[in-house]
Amino acid sequence: MRYLGNGILIFLSLFANSFLSAQTKSALFLGNSYTYYNNLPLLVSNLALSMGDTLEYDMNAPGGYRLMNHATNTTTYQKIDSRNW
């Protein structure tokens, strides 16, 4: 019985270390003036930092844009293709 308890303890320790280790993620924010002026990417980045993680981000948020505008925008496609988001 003691062996089983130690095995569970080791498993939980390994799981916690992999779950709690700092991570770096990247995100592309596509939006409009609401995204830009409220600085949503920085808010999300600061939230990640508060948890010990890092968020690398880029944004394309022209005023008045909707999803259909991004679907035909060359800058949007260039940013999407620029890295693995």
PDB file of N, CA and C in Angstrom:
ATOM      1  N   MET A   1       0.825  -1.190   0.000  1.00  0.00           N
ATOM      2  CA  MET A   1       0.000   0.000   0.000  1.00  0.00           C
ATOM      3  C   MET A   1       0.869   1.253   0.000  1.00  0.00           C
ATOM      4  N   ARG A   2       1.969   1.184   0.692  1.00  0.00           N
ATOM      5  CA  ARG A   2       2.858   2.334   0.758  1.00  0.00           C
ATOM      6  C   ARG A   2       3.421   2.667  -0.626  1.00  0.00           C
ATOM      7  N   TYR A   3       3.748   1.658  -1.425  1.00  0.00           N
ATOM      8  CA  TYR A   3       4.278   1.855  -2.772  1.00  0.00           C
ATOM      9  C   TYR A   3       3.269   2.600  -3.641  1.00  0.00           C
ATOM     10  N   LEU A   4       2.020   2.225  -3.544  1.00  0.00           N
ATOM     11  CA  LEU A   4       0.969   2.887  -4.322  1.00  0.00           C
ATOM     12  C   LEU A   4       0.883   4.358  -3.951  1.00  0.00           C
ATOM     13  N   GLY A   5       0.966   4.689  -2.678  1.00  0.00           N
ATOM     14  CA  GLY A   5       0.923   6.079  -2.246  1.00  0.00           C
ATOM     15  C   GLY A   5       2.089   6.879  -2.791  1.00  0.00           C
ATOM     16  N   ASN A   6       3.288   6.304  -2.791  1.00  0.00           N
ATOM     17  CA  ASN A   6       4.455   6.995  -3.334  1.00  0.00           C
ATOM     18  C   ASN A   6       4.324   7.201  -4.832  1.00  0.00           C
ATOM     19  N   GLY A   7       3.784   6.226  -5.534  1.00  0.00           N
ATOM     20  CA  GLY A   7       3.596   6.347  -6.979  1.00  0.00           C
ATOM     21  C   GLY A   7       2.633   7.468  -7.326  1.00  0.00           C
ATOM     22  N   ILE A   8       1.567   7.574  -6.566  1.00  0.00           N
ATOM     23  CA  ILE A   8       0.602   8.647  -6.787  1.00  0.00           C
ATOM     24  C   ILE A   8       1.240   9.994  -6.491  1.00  0.00           C
ATOM     25  N   LEU A   9       2.025  10.066  -5.453  1.00  0.00           N
ATOM     26  CA  LEU A   9       2.697  11.308  -5.101  1.00  0.00           C
ATOM     27  C   LEU A   9       3.664  11.744  -6.204  1.00  0.00           C
ATOM     28  N   ILE A  10       4.415  10.805  -6.756  1.00  0.00           N
ATOM     29  CA  ILE A  10       5.343  11.124  -7.845  1.00  0.00           C
ATOM     30  C   ILE A  10       4.571  11.571  -9.075  1.00  0.00           C
ATOM     31  N   PHE A  11       3.486  10.884  -9.405  1.00  0.00           N
ATOM     32  CA  PHE A  11       2.662  11.265 -10.550  1.00  0.00           C
ATOM     33  C   PHE A  11       2.123  12.673 -10.394  1.00  0.00           C
ATOM     34  N   LEU A  12       1.581  12.974  -9.236  1.00  0.00           N
ATOM     35  CA  LEU A  12       1.028  14.302  -8.997  1.00  0.00           C
ATOM     36  C   LEU A  12       2.105  15.370  -9.057  1.00  0.00           C
ATOM     37  N   SER A  13       3.277  15.058  -8.565  1.00  0.00           N
ATOM     38  CA  SER A  13       4.395  16.001  -8.603  1.00  0.00           C
ATOM     39  C   SER A  13       4.803  16.294 -10.043  1.00  0.00           C
ATOM     40  N   LEU A  14       4.930  15.268 -10.871  1.00  0.00           N
ATOM     41  CA  LEU A  14       5.287  15.461 -12.280  1.00  0.00           C
ATOM     42  C   LEU A  14       4.197  16.212 -13.024  1.00  0.00           C
ATOM     43  N   PHE A  15       2.939  15.877 -12.738  1.00  0.00           N
ATOM     44  CA  PHE A  15       1.824  16.549 -13.376  1.00  0.00           C
ATOM     45  C   PHE A  15       1.799  18.032 -13.000  1.00  0.00           C
ATOM     46  N   ALA A  16       2.001  18.337 -11.746  1.00  0.00           N
ATOM     47  CA  ALA A  16       1.988  19.728 -11.285  1.00  0.00           C
ATOM     48  C   ALA A  16       3.130  20.518 -11.904  1.00  0.00           C
ATOM     49  N   ASN A  17       4.317  19.918 -12.013  1.00  0.00           N
ATOM     50  CA  ASN A  17       5.449  20.619 -12.609  1.00  0.00           C
ATOM     51  C   ASN A  17       5.202  20.949 -14.067  1.00  0.00           C
ATOM     52  N   SER A  18       4.629  20.021 -14.828  1.00  0.00           N
ATOM     53  CA  SER A  18       4.377  20.299 -16.240  1.00  0.00           C
ATOM     54  C   SER A  18       3.218  21.270 -16.411  1.00  0.00           C
ATOM     55  N   PHE A  19       2.257  21.218 -15.512  1.00  0.00           N
ATOM     56  CA  PHE A  19       1.097  22.097 -15.608  1.00  0.00           C
ATOM     57  C   PHE A  19       1.418  23.511 -15.144  1.00  0.00           C
ATOM     58  N   LEU A  20       2.259  23.628 -14.140  1.00  0.00           N
ATOM     59  CA  LEU A  20       2.537  24.930 -13.558  1.00  0.00           C
ATOM     60  C   LEU A  20       3.755  25.631 -14.148  1.00  0.00           C
ATOM     61  N   SER A  21       4.476  24.980 -15.035  1.00  0.00           N
ATOM     62  CA  SER A  21       5.659  25.621 -15.607  1.00  0.00           C
ATOM     63  C   SER A  21       5.239  26.737 -16.555  1.00  0.00           C
ATOM     64  N   ALA A  22       6.061  27.769 -16.621  1.00  0.00           N
ATOM     65  CA  ALA A  22       5.765  28.930 -17.457  1.00  0.00           C
ATOM     66  C   ALA A  22       5.731  28.521 -18.926  1.00  0.00           C
ATOM     67  N   GLN A  23       4.800  29.092 -19.643  1.00  0.00           N
ATOM     68  CA  GLN A  23       4.645  28.800 -21.057  1.00  0.00           C
ATOM     69  C   GLN A  23       4.711  30.088 -21.862  1.00  0.00           C
ATOM     70  N   THR A  24       5.148  29.975 -23.096  1.00  0.00           N
ATOM     71  CA  THR A  24       5.112  31.098 -24.028  1.00  0.00           C
ATOM     72  C   THR A  24       4.175  30.721 -25.160  1.00  0.00           C
ATOM     73  N   LYS A  25       3.193  31.540 -25.379  1.00  0.00           N
ATOM     74  CA  LYS A  25       2.215  31.323 -26.444  1.00  0.00           C
ATOM     75  C   LYS A  25       2.229  32.537 -27.361  1.00  0.00           C
ATOM     76  N   SER A  26       1.717  32.354 -28.550  1.00  0.00           N
ATOM     77  CA  SER A  26       1.601  33.482 -29.472  1.00  0.00           C
ATOM     78  C   SER A  26       0.162  33.566 -29.973  1.00  0.00           C
ATOM     79  N   ALA A  27      -0.287  34.803 -30.197  1.00  0.00           N
ATOM     80  CA  ALA A  27      -1.660  35.021 -30.629  1.00  0.00           C
ATOM     81  C   ALA A  27      -1.714  36.189 -31.595  1.00  0.00           C
ATOM     82  N   LEU A  28      -2.555  36.056 -32.587  1.00  0.00           N
ATOM     83  CA  LEU A  28      -2.815  37.132 -33.528  1.00  0.00           C
ATOM     84  C   LEU A  28      -4.223  37.638 -33.265  1.00  0.00           C
ATOM     85  N   PHE A  29      -4.332  38.916 -32.955  1.00  0.00           N
ATOM     86  CA  PHE A  29      -5.632  39.530 -32.697  1.00  0.00           C
ATOM     87  C   PHE A  29      -6.108  40.220 -33.970  1.00  0.00           C
ATOM     88  N   LEU A  30      -7.226  39.768 -34.493  1.00  0.00           N
ATOM     89  CA  LEU A  30      -7.862  40.384 -35.640  1.00  0.00           C
ATOM     90  C   LEU A  30      -9.145  41.025 -35.144  1.00  0.00           C
ATOM     91  N   GLY A  31      -9.292  42.308 -35.391  1.00  0.00           N
ATOM     92  CA  GLY A  31     -10.476  42.978 -34.875  1.00  0.00           C
ATOM     93  C   GLY A  31     -10.684  44.317 -35.532  1.00  0.00           C
ATOM     94  N   ASN A  32     -11.186  45.241 -34.738  1.00  0.00           N
ATOM     95  CA  ASN A  32     -11.473  46.585 -35.213  1.00  0.00           C
ATOM     96  C   ASN A  32     -11.076  47.581 -34.126  1.00  0.00           C
ATOM     97  N   SER A  33     -11.688  48.755 -34.149  1.00  0.00           N
ATOM     98  CA  SER A  33     -11.296  49.790 -33.193  1.00  0.00           C
ATOM     99  C   SER A  33     -11.564  49.378 -31.744  1.00  0.00           C
ATOM    100  N   TYR A  34     -12.532  48.510 -31.515  1.00  0.00           N
ATOM    101  CA  TYR A  34     -12.772  48.050 -30.145  1.00  0.00           C
ATOM    102  C   TYR A  34     -11.563  47.266 -29.627  1.00  0.00           C
ATOM    103  N   THR A  35     -10.989  46.471 -30.483  1.00  0.00           N
ATOM    104  CA  THR A  35      -9.792  45.712 -30.112  1.00  0.00           C
ATOM    105  C   THR A  35      -8.608  46.650 -29.930  1.00  0.00           C
ATOM    106  N   TYR A  36      -8.473  47.611 -30.834  1.00  0.00           N
ATOM    107  CA  TYR A  36      -7.316  48.504 -30.838  1.00  0.00           C
ATOM    108  C   TYR A  36      -7.338  49.482 -29.666  1.00  0.00           C
ATOM    109  N   TYR A  37      -8.403  50.238 -29.503  1.00  0.00           N
ATOM    110  CA  TYR A  37      -8.434  51.288 -28.491  1.00  0.00           C
ATOM    111  C   TYR A  37      -8.541  50.761 -27.067  1.00  0.00           C
ATOM    112  N   ASN A  38      -9.116  49.603 -26.891  1.00  0.00           N
ATOM    113  CA  ASN A  38      -9.171  49.003 -25.557  1.00  0.00           C
ATOM    114  C   ASN A  38      -7.924  48.172 -25.274  1.00  0.00           C
ATOM    115  N   ASN A  39      -7.030  48.082 -26.259  1.00  0.00           N
ATOM    116  CA  ASN A  39      -5.758  47.384 -26.142  1.00  0.00           C
ATOM    117  C   ASN A  39      -5.934  45.964 -25.587  1.00  0.00           C
ATOM    118  N   LEU A  40      -6.839  45.250 -26.195  1.00  0.00           N
ATOM    119  CA  LEU A  40      -7.130  43.876 -25.777  1.00  0.00           C
ATOM    120  C   LEU A  40      -5.888  42.987 -25.756  1.00  0.00           C
ATOM    121  N   PRO A  41      -4.995  43.066 -26.753  1.00  0.00           N
ATOM    122  CA  PRO A  41      -3.806  42.209 -26.693  1.00  0.00           C
ATOM    123  C   PRO A  41      -2.949  42.455 -25.448  1.00  0.00           C
ATOM    124  N   LEU A  42      -2.774  43.705 -25.066  1.00  0.00           N
ATOM    125  CA  LEU A  42      -1.981  44.002 -23.870  1.00  0.00           C
ATOM    126  C   LEU A  42      -2.681  43.508 -22.608  1.00  0.00           C
ATOM    127  N   LEU A  43      -3.995  43.640 -22.545  1.00  0.00           N
ATOM    128  CA  LEU A  43      -4.739  43.128 -21.388  1.00  0.00           C
ATOM    129  C   LEU A  43      -4.556  41.615 -21.240  1.00  0.00           C
ATOM    130  N   VAL A  44      -4.658  40.895 -22.352  1.00  0.00           N
ATOM    131  CA  VAL A  44      -4.504  39.441 -22.317  1.00  0.00           C
ATOM    132  C   VAL A  44      -3.056  39.079 -21.981  1.00  0.00           C
ATOM    133  N   SER A  45      -2.100  39.840 -22.527  1.00  0.00           N
ATOM    134  CA  SER A  45      -0.691  39.598 -22.223  1.00  0.00           C
ATOM    135  C   SER A  45      -0.403  39.802 -20.736  1.00  0.00           C
ATOM    136  N   ASN A  46      -0.951  40.857 -20.162  1.00  0.00           N
ATOM    137  CA  ASN A  46      -0.764  41.099 -18.731  1.00  0.00           C
ATOM    138  C   ASN A  46      -1.414  40.012 -17.884  1.00  0.00           C
ATOM    139  N   LEU A  47      -2.542  39.511 -18.329  1.00  0.00           N
ATOM    140  CA  LEU A  47      -3.191  38.400 -17.627  1.00  0.00           C
ATOM    141  C   LEU A  47      -2.296  37.164 -17.653  1.00  0.00           C
ATOM    142  N   ALA A  48      -1.703  36.886 -18.806  1.00  0.00           N
ATOM    143  CA  ALA A  48      -0.788  35.755 -18.910  1.00  0.00           C
ATOM    144  C   ALA A  48       0.421  35.957 -18.001  1.00  0.00           C
ATOM    145  N   LEU A  49       0.970  37.176 -17.979  1.00  0.00           N
ATOM    146  CA  LEU A  49       2.121  37.460 -17.112  1.00  0.00           C
ATOM    147  C   LEU A  49       1.784  37.261 -15.644  1.00  0.00           C
ATOM    148  N   SER A  50       0.567  37.593 -15.260  1.00  0.00           N
ATOM    149  CA  SER A  50       0.171  37.420 -13.863  1.00  0.00           C
ATOM    150  C   SER A  50       0.140  35.948 -13.457  1.00  0.00           C
ATOM    151  N   MET A  51       0.030  35.074 -14.447  1.00  0.00           N
ATOM    152  CA  MET A  51       0.039  33.627 -14.193  1.00  0.00           C
ATOM    153  C   MET A  51       1.424  33.015 -14.439  1.00  0.00           C
ATOM    154  N   GLY A  52       2.407  33.880 -14.758  1.00  0.00           N
ATOM    155  CA  GLY A  52       3.762  33.397 -14.986  1.00  0.00           C
ATOM    156  C   GLY A  52       4.045  32.987 -16.416  1.00  0.00           C
ATOM    157  N   ASP A  53       3.122  33.263 -17.323  1.00  0.00           N
ATOM    158  CA  ASP A  53       3.291  32.895 -18.722  1.00  0.00           C
ATOM    159  C   ASP A  53       3.616  34.132 -19.551  1.00  0.00           C
ATOM    160  N   THR A  54       4.015  33.898 -20.793  1.00  0.00           N
ATOM    161  CA  THR A  54       4.323  34.990 -21.708  1.00  0.00           C
ATOM    162  C   THR A  54       3.459  34.858 -22.943  1.00  0.00           C
ATOM    163  N   LEU A  55       2.917  35.985 -23.400  1.00  0.00           N
ATOM    164  CA  LEU A  55       2.138  36.006 -24.626  1.00  0.00           C
ATOM    165  C   LEU A  55       2.817  36.932 -25.613  1.00  0.00           C
ATOM    166  N   GLU A  56       3.249  36.366 -26.732  1.00  0.00           N
ATOM    167  CA  GLU A  56       3.767  37.160 -27.833  1.00  0.00           C
ATOM    168  C   GLU A  56       2.598  37.380 -28.781  1.00  0.00           C
ATOM    169  N   TYR A  57       2.366  38.626 -29.158  1.00  0.00           N
ATOM    170  CA  TYR A  57       1.177  38.894 -29.959  1.00  0.00           C
ATOM    171  C   TYR A  57       1.448  39.917 -31.053  1.00  0.00           C
ATOM    172  N   ASP A  58       0.545  39.901 -32.010  1.00  0.00           N
ATOM    173  CA  ASP A  58       0.487  40.905 -33.055  1.00  0.00           C
ATOM    174  C   ASP A  58      -0.989  41.195 -33.276  1.00  0.00           C
ATOM    175  N   MET A  59      -1.255  42.296 -33.962  1.00  0.00           N
ATOM    176  CA  MET A  59      -2.650  42.704 -34.106  1.00  0.00           C
ATOM    177  C   MET A  59      -2.855  43.366 -35.457  1.00  0.00           C
ATOM    178  N   ASN A  60      -4.003  43.136 -36.032  1.00  0.00           N
ATOM    179  CA  ASN A  60      -4.484  43.886 -37.182  1.00  0.00           C
ATOM    180  C   ASN A  60      -5.917  44.287 -36.854  1.00  0.00           C
ATOM    181  N   ALA A  61      -6.107  45.564 -36.565  1.00  0.00           N
ATOM    182  CA  ALA A  61      -7.414  46.021 -36.082  1.00  0.00           C
ATOM    183  C   ALA A  61      -7.776  47.384 -36.677  1.00  0.00           C
ATOM    184  N   PRO A  62      -8.033  47.434 -37.989  1.00  0.00           N
ATOM    185  CA  PRO A  62      -8.461  48.695 -38.589  1.00  0.00           C
ATOM    186  C   PRO A  62      -9.868  49.071 -38.108  1.00  0.00           C
ATOM    187  N   GLY A  63     -10.108  50.357 -37.963  1.00  0.00           N
ATOM    188  CA  GLY A  63     -11.412  50.826 -37.494  1.00  0.00           C
ATOM    189  C   GLY A  63     -12.547  50.415 -38.408  1.00  0.00           C
ATOM    190  N   GLY A  64     -13.638  49.980 -37.807  1.00  0.00           N
ATOM    191  CA  GLY A  64     -14.841  49.620 -38.554  1.00  0.00           C
ATOM    192  C   GLY A  64     -14.800  48.259 -39.221  1.00  0.00           C
ATOM    193  N   TYR A  65     -13.736  47.519 -39.048  1.00  0.00           N
ATOM    194  CA  TYR A  65     -13.624  46.224 -39.708  1.00  0.00           C
ATOM    195  C   TYR A  65     -14.539  45.193 -39.082  1.00  0.00           C
ATOM    196  N   ARG A  66     -15.044  44.317 -39.957  1.00  0.00           N
ATOM    197  CA  ARG A  66     -15.789  43.132 -39.542  1.00  0.00           C
ATOM    198  C   ARG A  66     -15.081  41.921 -40.112  1.00  0.00           C
ATOM    199  N   LEU A  67     -15.560  40.744 -39.788  1.00  0.00           N
ATOM    200  CA  LEU A  67     -14.919  39.521 -40.250  1.00  0.00           C
ATOM    201  C   LEU A  67     -14.821  39.486 -41.771  1.00  0.00           C
ATOM    202  N   MET A  68     -15.858  39.935 -42.470  1.00  0.00           N
ATOM    203  CA  MET A  68     -15.835  39.900 -43.934  1.00  0.00           C
ATOM    204  C   MET A  68     -14.748  40.826 -44.493  1.00  0.00           C
ATOM    205  N   ASN A  69     -14.413  41.904 -43.756  1.00  0.00           N
ATOM    206  CA  ASN A  69     -13.330  42.780 -44.196  1.00  0.00           C
ATOM    207  C   ASN A  69     -11.980  42.097 -44.048  1.00  0.00           C
ATOM    208  N   HIS A  70     -11.785  41.384 -42.953  1.00  0.00           N
ATOM    209  CA  HIS A  70     -10.528  40.663 -42.750  1.00  0.00           C
ATOM    210  C   HIS A  70     -10.368  39.539 -43.770  1.00  0.00           C
ATOM    211  N   ALA A  71     -11.471  38.979 -44.231  1.00  0.00           N
ATOM    212  CA  ALA A  71     -11.426  37.874 -45.191  1.00  0.00           C
ATOM    213  C   ALA A  71     -10.840  38.300 -46.529  1.00  0.00           C
ATOM    214  N   THR A  72     -10.826  39.606 -46.812  1.00  0.00           N
ATOM    215  CA  THR A  72     -10.286  40.085 -48.086  1.00  0.00           C
ATOM    216  C   THR A  72      -9.110  41.038 -47.897  1.00  0.00           C
ATOM    217  N   ASN A  73      -8.572  41.132 -46.685  1.00  0.00           N
ATOM    218  CA  ASN A  73      -7.500  42.075 -46.375  1.00  0.00           C
ATOM    219  C   ASN A  73      -6.142  41.403 -46.513  1.00  0.00           C
ATOM    220  N   THR A  74      -5.264  41.966 -47.350  1.00  0.00           N
ATOM    221  CA  THR A  74      -3.952  41.352 -47.564  1.00  0.00           C
ATOM    222  C   THR A  74      -3.082  41.425 -46.311  1.00  0.00           C
ATOM    223  N   THR A  75      -3.195  42.483 -45.532  1.00  0.00           N
ATOM    224  CA  THR A  75      -2.414  42.587 -44.294  1.00  0.00           C
ATOM    225  C   THR A  75      -2.795  41.471 -43.328  1.00  0.00           C
ATOM    226  N   THR A  76      -4.076  41.185 -43.235  1.00  0.00           N
ATOM    227  CA  THR A  76      -4.538  40.088 -42.374  1.00  0.00           C
ATOM    228  C   THR A  76      -3.889  38.779 -42.796  1.00  0.00           C
ATOM    229  N   TYR A  77      -3.911  38.494 -44.085  1.00  0.00           N
ATOM    230  CA  TYR A  77      -3.327  37.243 -44.572  1.00  0.00           C
ATOM    231  C   TYR A  77      -1.816  37.206 -44.378  1.00  0.00           C
ATOM    232  N   GLN A  78      -1.143  38.328 -44.563  1.00  0.00           N
ATOM    233  CA  GLN A  78       0.302  38.374 -44.339  1.00  0.00           C
ATOM    234  C   GLN A  78       0.647  38.085 -42.882  1.00  0.00           C
ATOM    235  N   LYS A  79      -0.136  38.661 -41.973  1.00  0.00           N
ATOM    236  CA  LYS A  79       0.125  38.423 -40.548  1.00  0.00           C
ATOM    237  C   LYS A  79      -0.175  36.970 -40.170  1.00  0.00           C
ATOM    238  N   ILE A  80      -1.221  36.405 -40.724  1.00  0.00           N
ATOM    239  CA  ILE A  80      -1.546  35.000 -40.449  1.00  0.00           C
ATOM    240  C   ILE A  80      -0.414  34.095 -40.919  1.00  0.00           C
ATOM    241  N   ASP A  81       0.121  34.386 -42.094  1.00  0.00           N
ATOM    242  CA  ASP A  81       1.181  33.552 -42.664  1.00  0.00           C
ATOM    243  C   ASP A  81       2.558  33.827 -42.072  1.00  0.00           C
ATOM    244  N   SER A  82       2.716  34.893 -41.304  1.00  0.00           N
ATOM    245  CA  SER A  82       4.032  35.298 -40.833  1.00  0.00           C
ATOM    246  C   SER A  82       4.625  34.381 -39.768  1.00  0.00           C
ATOM    247  N   ARG A  83       3.791  33.641 -39.053  1.00  0.00           N
ATOM    248  CA  ARG A  83       4.290  32.735 -38.021  1.00  0.00           C
ATOM    249  C   ARG A  83       3.234  31.726 -37.637  1.00  0.00           C
ATOM    250  N   ASN A  84       3.591  30.823 -36.741  1.00  0.00           N
ATOM    251  CA  ASN A  84       2.681  29.773 -36.276  1.00  0.00           C
ATOM    252  C   ASN A  84       1.964  30.281 -35.030  1.00  0.00           C
ATOM    253  N   TRP A  85       0.770  30.783 -35.190  1.00  0.00           N
ATOM    254  CA  TRP A  85       0.031  31.393 -34.067  1.00  0.00           C
ATOM    255  C   TRP A  85      -0.546  30.336 -33.176  1.00  0.00           C
TER     256      TRP A  85
END
